[in-house]
Amino acid sequence: MESNLPINQVAVPFSKKVADSLIAVFTVLSLIIQYTMTFSTRFLFLLSASMVSLHVSAQRVDDIPKKSDPLHLRVEKFDKLMMGNHWNEGAFLQQVFFPPAGLDEPIIGQYGDCLDVTTEMLAAYSYKYAITKNPEDRKIADQIFEAVATMEKVTGVPGLMARGFYKSDKPLWHETLWYPEWHNSTTMPGYRWLGDLSSDKFTSIFYGVGTYWEFCADEVQKQQAADLLDRFVGRVIDDNFKLTDLDGKMTLWGNFCPNLPHQKLNSLKVLAGLKVTYHITGKERFNAAYHMLIDEYHYDDHVVDAKILFPKEWRQVGDDYHAARSLYFLLRLESDNDLLIKYRMSLNRHWFDWKDWAYSWPSNIWDVMVYQVLTGEDVFNDERTQVVKDMWEFDRGTREFKIPQQDGSIKSVKAGYERSSGAMIRNYWFGRYYNIIDPSW
């Protein structure tokens, strides 16, 4: 069977020496039991051995870094964990489940935020390639971009993007972790895909694809990236600035529409998406839509107040992250001074909160990096520098899973899980590219 792994990764859970040793042990034991055990005893023994083998093959990479390791070594090991355990045909899962709750293929886990993690890794390898110029880094970025493109292909509708996809001709139990928006693919038979795209995923798409286009893609891939955003963002315009699903209805969190009440943050997101798409495609329709939302509906004024400051309980770390990715592009691509003033006012409003953060989320320190890149201010004092050196994004443990059965019953299973490290890996290569992180750390 053809491997589903990235080109520079080997899908092994142990070192090859350990794996070869296990094979030798099982070979010798099988010869012994062939002549010394009854048939029933041999069956039970070999069944146990096969169960061990299944568990081993499903958890491909098990080399977890220590918090005391240097930053560059932690990132290297986290990258291998992501490539070995979270990789799904170029896409990445934010959380994977190991057997007996999970499978080796397809990967069982949470697919709701697959686009976020995938585009973080796309951005990470784009920044990395901009530094190393290593063709292998570009090849991996190309593979990840192809997975983002597959998010459209699998839906069968030009411009309609899936949250995630996996190879299966029938629903598997992890689909119950999200509300029922799973579909069989008509364009990729034997695949399932998750719909109900949100404004957050809209941001992930233009951020990831825009970063890939800017820092990594060759001329052929640049055109493919431009075509993808053309269809995706063009569909949003055609549907009156709404994300619509397979049934043509607006998704639960897909409202950028000037004729409907929406969060001011969504005005910031859609302006950034239009700006990036115009920059990449050169098509006037995106520039016209951008200025129409500003001139007729004052979305630029919404941007100023996109950050909720009070009451403090209403502040959302996730909202800050989406704002940072949007402002990262708007403040670098806009040339109109009046608009730049408003976008900088929005950034300053965010900084009022960011400067006092406790850095409990991986995105927190990245937002601070973005602020420094956009303003030119040196904001990395000793405390923030230490936060960068201590970056950590990893969680592996065991918990009980409630797995629905075909007869309607629920089976409780204890199994391992592992969360993504994609944001930290992106943070590292972003910081390296912009000379915030020293390679020796």
Protein backbone atom coordinates (compact mmCIF):
# COMPACT_ATOMS: atom_id res chain seq x y z
CA MET A 1 0.00 0.00 0.00
CA GLU A 2 1.32 3.45 -0.91
CA SER A 3 2.51 5.47 2.09
CA ASN A 4 0.46 8.44 3.22
CA LEU A 5 3.42 10.05 5.00
CA PRO A 6 5.39 13.19 4.09
CA ILE A 7 8.36 12.53 1.88
CA ASN A 8 11.05 13.12 4.50
CA GLN A 9 9.46 11.15 7.35
CA VAL A 10 9.59 7.48 8.23
CA ALA A 11 6.49 6.07 9.87
CA VAL A 12 8.00 4.08 12.72
CA PRO A 13 7.09 4.14 16.41
CA PHE A 14 10.52 3.00 17.62
CA SER A 15 14.01 2.97 16.25
CA LYS A 16 14.52 0.43 13.47
CA LYS A 17 16.80 -1.58 15.74
CA VAL A 18 14.03 -2.05 18.29
CA ALA A 19 11.49 -2.94 15.60
CA ASP A 20 13.87 -5.52 14.05
CA SER A 21 14.47 -7.02 17.49
CA LEU A 22 10.73 -7.41 18.07
CA ILE A 23 10.32 -9.15 14.72
CA ALA A 24 13.15 -11.55 15.55
CA VAL A 25 11.63 -12.33 18.95
CA PHE A 26 8.19 -13.06 17.49
CA THR A 27 9.76 -15.23 14.78
CA VAL A 28 11.63 -17.39 17.28
CA LEU A 29 8.63 -17.67 19.58
CA SER A 30 6.35 -18.68 16.71
CA LEU A 31 8.73 -21.56 15.87
CA ILE A 32 8.77 -22.66 19.49
CA ILE A 33 5.02 -22.65 19.93
CA GLN A 34 4.52 -24.41 16.60
CA TYR A 35 5.96 -27.56 18.14
CA THR A 36 5.22 -27.18 21.86
CA MET A 37 1.70 -25.73 22.21
CA THR A 38 -1.77 -26.96 21.43
CA PHE A 39 -3.71 -25.33 18.64
CA SER A 40 -5.91 -23.28 21.00
CA THR A 41 -2.91 -22.08 22.99
CA ARG A 42 -1.09 -21.12 19.81
CA PHE A 43 -4.15 -19.16 18.62
CA LEU A 44 -4.42 -17.15 21.83
CA PHE A 45 -0.70 -16.42 21.90
CA LEU A 46 -0.56 -15.22 18.31
CA LEU A 47 -3.73 -13.14 18.78
CA SER A 48 -2.05 -11.38 21.71
CA ALA A 49 1.06 -10.79 19.64
CA SER A 50 -0.99 -9.33 16.79
CA MET A 51 -2.74 -6.95 19.23
CA VAL A 52 0.65 -5.73 20.43
CA SER A 53 1.70 -5.25 16.83
CA LEU A 54 -1.49 -3.28 16.05
CA HIS A 55 -0.91 -0.93 18.97
CA VAL A 56 2.71 -0.39 17.97
CA SER A 57 1.94 0.41 14.32
CA ALA A 58 -0.81 2.88 15.15
CA GLN A 59 1.40 5.15 17.27
CA ARG A 60 4.09 5.90 14.73
CA VAL A 61 6.30 8.37 16.62
CA ASP A 62 6.92 8.27 20.35
CA ASP A 63 10.01 10.47 20.85
CA ILE A 64 8.69 13.23 23.12
CA PRO A 65 11.02 16.14 23.91
CA LYS A 66 11.81 17.30 27.42
CA LYS A 67 10.93 20.79 28.56
CA SER A 68 14.62 21.20 29.42
CA ASP A 69 15.65 20.55 25.80
CA PRO A 70 16.83 23.55 23.75
CA LEU A 71 14.04 25.24 21.81
CA HIS A 72 15.31 24.12 18.41
CA LEU A 73 15.41 20.48 19.57
CA ARG A 74 11.90 20.66 21.01
CA VAL A 75 10.61 22.05 17.72
CA GLU A 76 12.41 19.33 15.74
CA LYS A 77 10.87 16.59 17.87
CA PHE A 78 7.41 18.16 17.86
CA ASP A 79 7.62 18.36 14.08
CA LYS A 80 8.34 14.63 13.89
CA LEU A 81 5.39 13.92 16.18
CA MET A 82 3.14 15.99 13.92
CA MET A 83 4.40 14.32 10.75
CA GLY A 84 4.23 10.84 12.20
CA ASN A 85 1.03 10.94 14.26
CA HIS A 86 -1.16 13.76 12.90
CA TRP A 87 -0.48 13.64 9.15
CA ASN A 88 -3.53 12.78 7.04
CA GLU A 89 -2.71 13.02 3.31
CA GLY A 90 -1.02 16.38 3.88
CA ALA A 91 -3.57 17.68 6.37
CA PHE A 92 -3.12 17.61 10.16
CA LEU A 93 -5.50 16.81 12.99
CA GLN A 94 -5.56 18.93 16.12
CA GLN A 95 -6.03 15.79 18.21
CA VAL A 96 -5.54 12.11 17.35
CA PHE A 97 -6.80 9.05 19.21
CA PHE A 98 -4.67 5.93 19.50
CA PRO A 99 -6.03 2.34 19.55
CA PRO A 100 -8.23 0.87 20.77
CA ALA A 101 -10.29 4.06 20.32
CA GLY A 102 -8.44 4.94 17.12
CA LEU A 103 -7.09 3.21 14.05
CA ASP A 104 -3.86 3.31 12.12
CA GLU A 105 -5.63 4.35 8.91
CA PRO A 106 -7.75 6.35 8.61
CA ILE A 107 -6.64 8.56 11.48
CA ILE A 108 -9.30 8.83 14.16
CA GLY A 109 -9.50 12.16 15.97
CA GLN A 110 -11.03 15.60 16.00
CA TYR A 111 -11.53 17.12 12.56
CA GLY A 112 -13.40 20.31 13.45
CA ASP A 113 -10.27 22.50 13.49
CA CYS A 114 -8.25 20.51 10.96
CA LEU A 115 -7.96 23.57 8.68
CA ASP A 116 -6.42 25.65 11.48
CA VAL A 117 -3.64 23.18 12.23
CA THR A 118 -3.03 22.40 8.56
CA THR A 119 -2.60 26.06 7.61
CA GLU A 120 -0.37 26.66 10.65
CA MET A 121 1.91 23.90 9.39
CA LEU A 122 1.68 25.31 5.85
CA ALA A 123 2.79 28.68 7.17
CA ALA A 124 5.52 27.06 9.29
CA TYR A 125 7.09 25.29 6.32
CA SER A 126 6.71 28.40 4.17
CA TYR A 127 8.68 30.50 6.66
CA LYS A 128 11.13 27.63 7.09
CA TYR A 129 11.74 27.38 3.35
CA ALA A 130 12.25 31.16 3.17
CA ILE A 131 15.15 30.65 5.60
CA THR A 132 16.67 27.35 4.52
CA LYS A 133 15.90 27.32 0.77
CA ASN A 134 15.92 23.56 1.21
CA PRO A 135 13.92 21.89 -1.60
CA GLU A 136 12.73 19.23 0.85
CA ASP A 137 11.05 21.92 2.97
CA ARG A 138 9.30 23.28 -0.12
CA LYS A 139 8.14 19.78 -1.12
CA ILE A 140 6.50 19.33 2.29
CA ALA A 141 4.86 22.75 2.02
CA ASP A 142 3.60 21.76 -1.43
CA GLN A 143 2.10 18.58 0.00
CA ILE A 144 0.35 20.53 2.74
CA PHE A 145 -0.99 23.03 0.22
CA GLU A 146 -2.33 20.12 -1.86
CA ALA A 147 -4.24 18.99 1.24
CA VAL A 148 -5.77 22.47 1.57
CA ALA A 149 -6.75 22.27 -2.10
CA THR A 150 -8.28 18.85 -1.41
CA MET A 151 -10.53 20.53 1.17
CA GLU A 152 -12.24 22.10 -1.86
CA LYS A 153 -12.00 19.15 -4.23
CA VAL A 154 -13.62 16.74 -1.79
CA THR A 155 -16.80 18.86 -1.54
CA GLY A 156 -17.46 18.75 -5.29
CA VAL A 157 -18.41 22.45 -5.34
CA PRO A 158 -15.97 25.12 -6.63
CA GLY A 159 -15.12 27.47 -3.77
CA LEU A 160 -16.73 25.34 -1.06
CA MET A 161 -14.14 24.24 1.49
CA ALA A 162 -14.38 21.40 4.00
CA ARG A 163 -13.20 21.63 7.59
CA GLY A 164 -11.51 18.27 7.14
CA PHE A 165 -11.67 14.96 5.28
CA TYR A 166 -10.66 11.37 5.69
CA LYS A 167 -10.68 8.21 3.62
CA SER A 168 -13.61 5.94 4.45
CA ASP A 169 -16.66 4.65 2.60
CA LYS A 170 -18.74 4.74 5.78
CA PRO A 171 -19.08 7.00 8.83
CA LEU A 172 -16.74 6.24 11.74
CA TRP A 173 -17.49 6.96 15.38
CA HIS A 174 -15.41 10.14 15.71
CA GLU A 175 -17.93 11.96 13.49
CA THR A 176 -20.19 12.14 16.54
CA LEU A 177 -17.73 14.62 18.10
CA TRP A 178 -19.14 17.33 15.81
CA TYR A 179 -22.71 18.18 14.86
CA PRO A 180 -24.00 16.25 11.87
CA GLU A 181 -22.35 18.05 8.95
CA TRP A 182 -20.47 15.08 7.52
CA HIS A 183 -20.95 14.12 3.87
CA ASN A 184 -19.89 11.45 1.42
CA SER A 185 -17.75 12.92 -1.35
CA THR A 186 -19.15 12.68 -4.86
CA THR A 187 -15.89 13.81 -6.49
CA MET A 188 -13.61 11.61 -4.35
CA PRO A 189 -15.56 8.36 -3.82
CA GLY A 190 -14.56 6.61 -0.62
CA TYR A 191 -13.96 9.87 1.27
CA ARG A 192 -15.93 11.70 3.94
CA TRP A 193 -15.79 15.45 4.57
CA LEU A 194 -16.96 17.85 7.28
CA GLY A 195 -18.88 20.99 6.35
CA ASP A 196 -20.19 24.07 8.18
CA LEU A 197 -17.15 26.27 7.62
CA SER A 198 -16.72 29.22 10.00
CA SER A 199 -15.23 32.71 9.79
CA ASP A 200 -12.25 31.38 11.75
CA LYS A 201 -11.53 28.86 9.00
CA PHE A 202 -11.97 31.63 6.42
CA THR A 203 -9.11 33.39 8.21
CA SER A 204 -7.03 30.23 8.33
CA ILE A 205 -7.39 29.72 4.59
CA PHE A 206 -6.32 33.19 3.44
CA TYR A 207 -3.57 33.30 6.09
CA GLY A 208 -2.10 29.91 5.24
CA VAL A 209 -2.46 30.13 1.46
CA GLY A 210 -1.35 33.77 1.46
CA THR A 211 1.77 32.95 3.46
CA TYR A 212 2.58 30.00 1.21
CA TRP A 213 2.17 32.19 -1.90
CA GLU A 214 4.40 34.91 -0.45
CA PHE A 215 7.25 32.89 1.05
CA CYS A 216 7.45 29.48 -0.58
CA ALA A 217 5.44 28.68 -3.70
CA ASP A 218 7.03 28.50 -7.14
CA GLU A 219 5.32 30.09 -10.14
CA VAL A 220 3.12 27.07 -10.83
CA GLN A 221 2.04 26.78 -7.21
CA LYS A 222 1.51 30.55 -6.98
CA GLN A 223 -1.05 30.29 -9.75
CA GLN A 224 -2.75 27.33 -8.07
CA ALA A 225 -2.89 29.26 -4.78
CA ALA A 226 -4.32 32.29 -6.58
CA ASP A 227 -6.94 30.15 -8.33
CA LEU A 228 -7.98 28.54 -5.04
CA LEU A 229 -8.49 31.87 -3.27
CA ASP A 230 -10.22 33.24 -6.37
CA ARG A 231 -12.85 30.51 -6.17
CA PHE A 232 -13.14 30.48 -2.37
CA VAL A 233 -13.35 34.20 -1.67
CA GLY A 234 -15.26 34.77 -4.92
CA ARG A 235 -17.95 32.42 -3.68
CA VAL A 236 -18.21 34.47 -0.47
CA ILE A 237 -18.79 37.61 -2.55
CA ASP A 238 -21.34 35.84 -4.75
CA ASP A 239 -23.28 34.79 -1.63
CA ASN A 240 -23.45 38.38 -0.32
CA PHE A 241 -20.46 37.99 1.99
CA LYS A 242 -21.62 34.82 3.66
CA LEU A 243 -20.07 31.40 3.98
CA THR A 244 -22.66 29.00 2.61
CA ASP A 245 -22.73 25.25 2.89
CA LEU A 246 -23.60 22.43 0.50
CA ASP A 247 -27.31 23.25 0.87
CA GLY A 248 -26.74 26.91 -0.04
CA LYS A 249 -27.62 28.13 3.46
CA MET A 250 -25.33 30.33 5.56
CA THR A 251 -23.21 28.34 7.98
CA LEU A 252 -23.56 28.81 11.72
CA TRP A 253 -20.52 31.12 12.02
CA GLY A 254 -20.23 32.36 8.42
CA ASN A 255 -21.65 35.88 8.58
CA PHE A 256 -19.68 38.77 7.03
CA CYS A 257 -22.83 40.17 5.40
CA PRO A 258 -23.35 43.97 5.41
CA ASN A 259 -27.12 43.43 5.54
CA LEU A 260 -26.99 41.33 8.70
CA PRO A 261 -25.75 42.19 12.21
CA HIS A 262 -22.34 40.62 12.82
CA GLN A 263 -19.26 40.90 15.00
CA LYS A 264 -16.93 43.76 14.13
CA LEU A 265 -14.13 41.23 14.16
CA ASN A 266 -15.78 39.60 11.14
CA SER A 267 -15.50 42.89 9.27
CA LEU A 268 -11.76 42.80 9.93
CA LYS A 269 -11.51 39.19 8.75
CA VAL A 270 -13.35 39.71 5.48
CA LEU A 271 -11.42 42.88 4.61
CA ALA A 272 -8.16 41.01 5.15
CA GLY A 273 -9.36 38.08 3.05
CA LEU A 274 -10.36 40.38 0.20
CA LYS A 275 -7.06 42.27 0.41
CA VAL A 276 -4.97 39.12 0.29
CA THR A 277 -6.99 37.68 -2.59
CA TYR A 278 -6.71 40.90 -4.62
CA HIS A 279 -2.96 41.02 -3.95
CA ILE A 280 -2.52 37.43 -5.12
CA THR A 281 -4.94 37.30 -8.06
CA GLY A 282 -4.80 40.90 -9.26
CA LYS A 283 -8.53 40.67 -10.03
CA GLU A 284 -10.37 43.95 -9.62
CA ARG A 285 -13.56 42.36 -8.29
CA PHE A 286 -11.84 41.73 -4.94
CA ASN A 287 -10.52 45.29 -4.73
CA ALA A 288 -13.98 46.61 -5.63
CA ALA A 289 -15.64 44.47 -2.95
CA TYR A 290 -13.06 45.62 -0.40
CA HIS A 291 -13.74 49.30 -1.07
CA MET A 292 -17.49 48.81 -1.31
CA LEU A 293 -17.57 47.39 2.23
CA ILE A 294 -15.49 50.36 3.39
CA ASP A 295 -17.18 53.17 1.46
CA GLU A 296 -20.79 52.05 1.82
CA TYR A 297 -20.82 50.04 5.03
CA HIS A 298 -17.86 51.50 7.00
CA TYR A 299 -16.13 48.20 7.68
CA ASP A 300 -12.91 50.15 8.27
CA ASP A 301 -14.56 51.76 11.31
CA HIS A 302 -15.57 48.31 12.53
CA VAL A 303 -11.91 47.29 12.38
CA VAL A 304 -10.97 49.96 14.91
CA ASP A 305 -13.31 48.40 17.49
CA ALA A 306 -12.77 44.77 16.53
CA LYS A 307 -11.15 44.06 19.90
CA ILE A 308 -13.54 43.76 22.86
CA LEU A 309 -11.83 45.23 25.90
CA PHE A 310 -14.62 45.57 28.44
CA PRO A 311 -16.03 43.75 30.22
CA LYS A 312 -12.86 41.69 30.58
CA GLU A 313 -14.91 38.50 30.72
CA TRP A 314 -15.81 39.02 27.06
CA ARG A 315 -12.22 38.99 25.86
CA GLN A 316 -11.40 35.95 23.73
CA VAL A 317 -7.90 34.64 23.07
CA GLY A 318 -9.12 32.98 19.88
CA ASP A 319 -10.51 36.28 18.61
CA ASP A 320 -7.11 37.91 19.21
CA TYR A 321 -5.46 35.20 17.15
CA HIS A 322 -7.79 35.73 14.19
CA ALA A 323 -7.30 39.49 14.47
CA ALA A 324 -3.51 39.12 14.52
CA ARG A 325 -3.51 36.99 11.37
CA SER A 326 -5.79 39.51 9.65
CA LEU A 327 -3.83 42.60 10.69
CA TYR A 328 -0.57 40.87 9.73
CA PHE A 329 -1.70 41.09 6.11
CA LEU A 330 -3.73 44.30 6.14
CA LEU A 331 -0.99 46.45 7.63
CA ARG A 332 1.59 45.10 5.18
CA LEU A 333 -0.54 45.26 2.03
CA GLU A 334 -2.55 48.48 2.48
CA SER A 335 -1.07 51.71 1.07
CA ASP A 336 -3.88 54.18 1.83
CA ASN A 337 -2.72 56.25 4.79
CA ASP A 338 -6.21 56.88 6.17
CA LEU A 339 -6.93 53.16 6.27
CA LEU A 340 -3.49 52.40 7.69
CA ILE A 341 -4.22 54.77 10.59
CA LYS A 342 -7.42 52.89 11.41
CA TYR A 343 -5.75 49.50 11.13
CA ARG A 344 -2.95 50.68 13.41
CA MET A 345 -5.55 51.95 15.88
CA SER A 346 -7.02 48.45 15.92
CA LEU A 347 -3.59 46.94 16.52
CA ASN A 348 -2.97 49.41 19.37
CA ARG A 349 -6.30 48.48 20.92
CA HIS A 350 -5.30 44.83 20.84
CA TRP A 351 -1.90 45.66 22.30
CA PHE A 352 -3.58 47.20 25.32
CA ASP A 353 -4.53 43.65 26.28
CA TRP A 354 -1.64 41.69 24.75
CA LYS A 355 1.08 43.57 26.64
CA ASP A 356 -0.16 42.17 29.97
CA TRP A 357 -0.78 38.59 28.95
CA ALA A 358 0.10 35.58 31.08
CA TYR A 359 0.95 33.60 27.90
CA SER A 360 -1.25 30.63 28.65
CA TRP A 361 -1.97 29.90 24.96
CA PRO A 362 0.56 29.14 22.19
CA SER A 363 -0.94 31.93 20.07
CA ASN A 364 -0.31 34.59 22.75
CA ILE A 365 3.40 34.99 22.13
CA TRP A 366 2.89 34.85 18.36
CA ASP A 367 0.51 37.81 18.57
CA VAL A 368 3.27 39.72 20.35
CA MET A 369 5.71 38.75 17.59
CA VAL A 370 3.23 40.05 15.01
CA TYR A 371 2.97 43.35 16.89
CA GLN A 372 6.75 43.78 16.79
CA VAL A 373 6.94 42.87 13.08
CA LEU A 374 4.17 45.33 12.14
CA THR A 375 5.29 48.26 14.30
CA GLY A 376 9.05 47.92 14.33
CA GLU A 377 9.00 48.39 18.09
CA ASP A 378 11.36 46.18 20.11
CA VAL A 379 8.91 44.75 22.65
CA PHE A 380 10.84 41.61 23.57
CA ASN A 381 12.13 42.27 27.04
CA ASP A 382 13.76 39.54 29.14
CA GLU A 383 10.41 38.14 30.28
CA ARG A 384 8.95 37.79 26.78
CA THR A 385 12.19 36.41 25.42
CA GLN A 386 12.11 33.72 28.09
CA VAL A 387 8.53 32.90 27.13
CA VAL A 388 9.75 32.27 23.59
CA LYS A 389 12.63 30.10 24.79
CA ASP A 390 10.22 28.08 26.95
CA MET A 391 7.54 27.58 24.25
CA TRP A 392 5.68 24.32 24.66
CA GLU A 393 2.58 22.98 22.95
CA PHE A 394 1.95 19.34 23.61
CA ASP A 395 -0.45 17.12 25.48
CA ARG A 396 -0.57 13.36 25.47
CA GLY A 397 -2.58 11.29 27.90
CA THR A 398 -5.16 8.59 28.37
CA ARG A 399 -8.87 9.07 28.83
CA GLU A 400 -12.13 7.23 28.48
CA PHE A 401 -13.92 7.40 25.14
CA LYS A 402 -17.63 6.80 24.70
CA ILE A 403 -17.87 5.02 21.35
CA PRO A 404 -21.32 4.50 19.74
CA GLN A 405 -21.98 0.97 18.52
CA GLN A 406 -24.08 -0.15 15.54
CA ASP A 407 -26.79 -1.52 17.82
CA GLY A 408 -27.22 1.89 19.47
CA SER A 409 -25.31 1.06 22.63
CA ILE A 410 -22.27 2.94 23.93
CA LYS A 411 -18.95 1.23 24.59
CA SER A 412 -16.47 2.79 27.03
CA VAL A 413 -12.87 2.44 25.94
CA LYS A 414 -9.69 3.75 27.55
CA ALA A 415 -7.16 4.93 24.99
CA GLY A 416 -4.40 7.42 24.42
CA TYR A 417 -4.71 10.78 22.71
CA GLU A 418 -2.26 13.42 21.47
CA ARG A 419 -2.82 17.09 20.72
CA SER A 420 -1.25 19.18 17.97
CA SER A 421 1.95 21.23 18.20
CA GLY A 422 1.31 23.13 14.96
CA ALA A 423 1.02 26.61 16.43
CA MET A 424 4.32 26.34 18.28
CA ILE A 425 6.13 25.07 15.18
CA ARG A 426 4.72 28.00 13.21
CA ASN A 427 5.71 30.41 16.02
CA TYR A 428 9.28 29.15 15.87
CA TRP A 429 9.83 29.54 12.14
CA PHE A 430 7.99 32.87 12.08
CA GLY A 431 10.29 34.09 14.85
CA ARG A 432 13.33 32.74 13.04
CA TYR A 433 12.37 34.46 9.79
CA TYR A 434 11.85 37.82 11.47
CA ASN A 435 15.02 37.52 13.61
CA ILE A 436 13.13 37.35 16.88
CA ILE A 437 14.41 33.84 17.65
CA ASP A 438 18.09 33.00 17.71
CA PRO A 439 18.89 29.64 16.01
CA SER A 440 21.06 28.68 18.99
CA TRP A 441 18.14 28.77 21.45
